[in-house]
Amino acid sequence: MLFERNASKVNFNIRPELDVKAILSMDLQALQEGLRSGKFTSLDLVNIFGERCLTIGRNLCLTAEVIFKEALKLAVERDKEREAAMKKGKEALEALGDMHGIPVSIKDIINQKGKLATIGCAFLCAEEFRSNEDATVVKLLLRAGAIPLARG
């Protein structure tokens, strides 16, 4: 069972004024500059990259499990955190770190609490193979403000 992988009721709200092609080609530094300058939000990034995972990732069987709804909620939190930091000043904004508000994909060989660690094997897609805790790398990404979006 691949649970949410085959769910089709995800509505990504991509604002028409955003240059999606440019955003998809940006590196981490450019994404952070865009977030901090207000050109786009973490919610925009989750919508853009989520839609890409949904359309291309599924067609190429690159996503084992998608966590779009969780990512959308987390993006709203990250945007609020960035907004509060911007009001406090440059130091507070820089303290958020480079991964803050950036969507990421977690490899399905890495434990993520409540998610399947299938290592690409269909027989590991059963409830008993859900992870009980986050791997260290997932803890570090979350602490740095990253937004897990998909597993593949």
Protein backbone atom coordinates (compact mmCIF):
# COMPACT_ATOMS: atom_id res chain seq x y z
CA MET A 1 0.00 0.00 0.00
CA LEU A 2 1.37 3.39 -0.95
CA PHE A 3 -1.21 5.39 1.04
CA GLU A 4 -1.15 9.02 -0.06
CA ARG A 5 0.95 8.33 -3.15
CA ASN A 6 -2.10 7.68 -5.26
CA ALA A 7 -4.31 10.35 -3.71
CA SER A 8 -5.41 12.83 -6.37
CA LYS A 9 -7.18 15.46 -4.27
CA VAL A 10 -4.34 17.90 -3.72
CA ASN A 11 -4.97 21.42 -4.92
CA PHE A 12 -1.79 23.37 -5.43
CA ASN A 13 -2.39 27.09 -5.53
CA ILE A 14 0.39 28.48 -7.72
CA ARG A 15 0.11 32.23 -8.08
CA PRO A 16 0.08 33.19 -11.80
CA GLU A 17 2.55 36.06 -11.31
CA LEU A 18 5.31 33.67 -10.18
CA ASP A 19 7.98 32.60 -12.67
CA VAL A 20 7.74 28.88 -11.96
CA LYS A 21 10.43 27.91 -14.47
CA ALA A 22 12.90 30.34 -12.88
CA ILE A 23 12.06 29.16 -9.35
CA LEU A 24 12.53 25.50 -10.32
CA SER A 25 16.00 26.31 -11.61
CA MET A 26 17.15 28.25 -8.53
CA ASP A 27 19.79 26.97 -6.14
CA LEU A 28 19.46 27.18 -2.35
CA GLN A 29 20.99 30.65 -2.12
CA ALA A 30 18.66 32.09 -4.76
CA LEU A 31 15.64 30.48 -3.09
CA GLN A 32 16.62 32.04 0.25
CA GLU A 33 17.11 35.43 -1.37
CA GLY A 34 13.65 35.16 -2.91
CA LEU A 35 12.10 34.19 0.42
CA ARG A 36 13.83 36.95 2.36
CA SER A 37 13.07 39.62 -0.23
CA GLY A 38 9.39 38.63 -0.32
CA LYS A 39 9.35 37.62 -4.01
CA PHE A 40 7.71 34.37 -2.94
CA THR A 41 6.88 32.46 0.24
CA SER A 42 7.55 28.98 1.56
CA LEU A 43 3.92 28.22 0.78
CA ASP A 44 4.59 29.23 -2.84
CA LEU A 45 7.60 26.89 -2.94
CA VAL A 46 5.65 23.96 -1.51
CA ASN A 47 2.92 24.56 -4.08
CA ILE A 48 5.39 24.75 -6.96
CA PHE A 49 7.59 21.81 -5.94
CA GLY A 50 4.59 19.80 -4.74
CA GLU A 51 2.87 20.17 -8.10
CA ARG A 52 6.10 19.09 -9.77
CA CYS A 53 6.32 16.00 -7.52
CA LEU A 54 2.70 15.20 -8.26
CA THR A 55 2.96 15.48 -12.04
CA ILE A 56 6.49 14.42 -12.90
CA GLY A 57 7.47 12.44 -9.80
CA ARG A 58 4.49 10.11 -10.02
CA ASN A 59 4.80 9.58 -13.76
CA LEU A 60 8.42 8.51 -13.35
CA CYS A 61 7.76 6.56 -10.11
CA LEU A 62 10.13 8.83 -8.19
CA THR A 63 7.91 9.35 -5.14
CA ALA A 64 7.27 6.53 -2.69
CA GLU A 65 5.18 8.63 -0.33
CA VAL A 66 4.00 12.23 -0.54
CA ILE A 67 3.32 14.40 2.47
CA PHE A 68 1.83 17.45 0.80
CA LYS A 69 -0.78 18.31 3.42
CA GLU A 70 1.82 18.28 6.21
CA ALA A 71 4.18 20.31 4.03
CA LEU A 72 1.53 22.96 3.32
CA LYS A 73 0.86 23.40 7.05
CA LEU A 74 4.57 23.56 7.85
CA ALA A 75 5.11 26.12 5.07
CA VAL A 76 2.56 28.45 6.67
CA GLU A 77 4.42 28.10 10.00
CA ARG A 78 7.79 28.81 8.35
CA ASP A 79 6.37 31.90 6.63
CA LYS A 80 5.11 33.21 9.99
CA GLU A 81 8.50 32.55 11.58
CA ARG A 82 10.27 34.40 8.75
CA GLU A 83 7.83 37.30 8.99
CA ALA A 84 8.44 37.60 12.76
CA ALA A 85 12.22 37.45 12.23
CA MET A 86 12.06 40.15 9.57
CA LYS A 87 10.36 42.47 12.07
CA LYS A 88 13.17 41.85 14.58
CA GLY A 89 15.92 42.64 12.10
CA LYS A 90 18.69 41.21 9.97
CA GLU A 91 20.32 39.16 12.76
CA ALA A 92 17.08 37.37 13.60
CA LEU A 93 16.47 36.67 9.92
CA GLU A 94 19.97 35.27 9.41
CA ALA A 95 19.58 33.12 12.54
CA LEU A 96 16.81 31.17 10.78
CA GLY A 97 19.45 29.49 8.63
CA ASP A 98 19.79 28.55 4.99
CA MET A 99 17.30 25.66 4.97
CA HIS A 100 14.51 27.59 6.66
CA GLY A 101 11.35 27.38 4.55
CA ILE A 102 12.87 25.23 1.81
CA PRO A 103 10.98 22.10 0.67
CA VAL A 104 13.05 18.92 0.61
CA SER A 105 12.60 15.33 -0.42
CA ILE A 106 13.68 12.65 2.03
CA LYS A 107 15.13 9.45 0.61
CA ASP A 108 12.95 6.46 1.50
CA ILE A 109 15.89 4.66 3.09
CA ILE A 110 15.97 7.31 5.83
CA ASN A 111 13.68 7.00 8.84
CA GLN A 112 11.09 9.74 9.23
CA LYS A 113 8.64 9.43 12.12
CA GLY A 114 5.32 7.98 11.00
CA LYS A 115 6.53 7.39 7.45
CA LEU A 116 7.50 4.25 5.58
CA ALA A 117 11.17 3.39 5.17
CA THR A 118 10.70 1.11 2.16
CA ILE A 119 14.20 1.23 0.64
CA GLY A 120 12.38 0.78 -2.66
CA CYS A 121 10.85 -2.59 -1.75
CA ALA A 122 7.09 -3.04 -2.20
CA PHE A 123 6.89 -5.66 0.57
CA LEU A 124 8.00 -3.00 3.09
CA CYS A 125 4.89 -0.88 2.40
CA ALA A 126 3.00 -2.31 5.38
CA GLU A 127 2.04 -0.51 8.59
CA GLU A 128 4.60 -2.39 10.67
CA PHE A 129 7.39 -0.75 8.68
CA ARG A 130 6.47 2.81 9.68
CA SER A 131 9.33 4.58 11.45
CA ASN A 132 8.96 5.29 15.16
CA GLU A 133 11.39 8.20 15.14
CA ASP A 134 13.25 10.56 12.85
CA ALA A 135 16.75 9.75 11.69
CA THR A 136 19.41 12.25 12.79
CA VAL A 137 19.54 13.86 9.35
CA VAL A 138 15.75 14.42 9.41
CA LYS A 139 15.99 15.94 12.89
CA LEU A 140 18.72 18.29 11.66
CA LEU A 141 16.73 19.30 8.56
CA LEU A 142 13.62 20.00 10.65
CA ARG A 143 15.65 21.96 13.20
CA ALA A 144 17.11 23.98 10.32
CA GLY A 145 13.58 24.80 9.16
CA ALA A 146 13.38 22.59 6.07
CA ILE A 147 9.97 21.37 4.90
CA PRO A 148 9.75 17.65 4.04
CA LEU A 149 7.57 17.36 0.95
CA ALA A 150 7.99 13.84 -0.42
CA ARG A 151 9.83 10.59 0.06
CA GLY A 152 11.40 8.77 -2.82
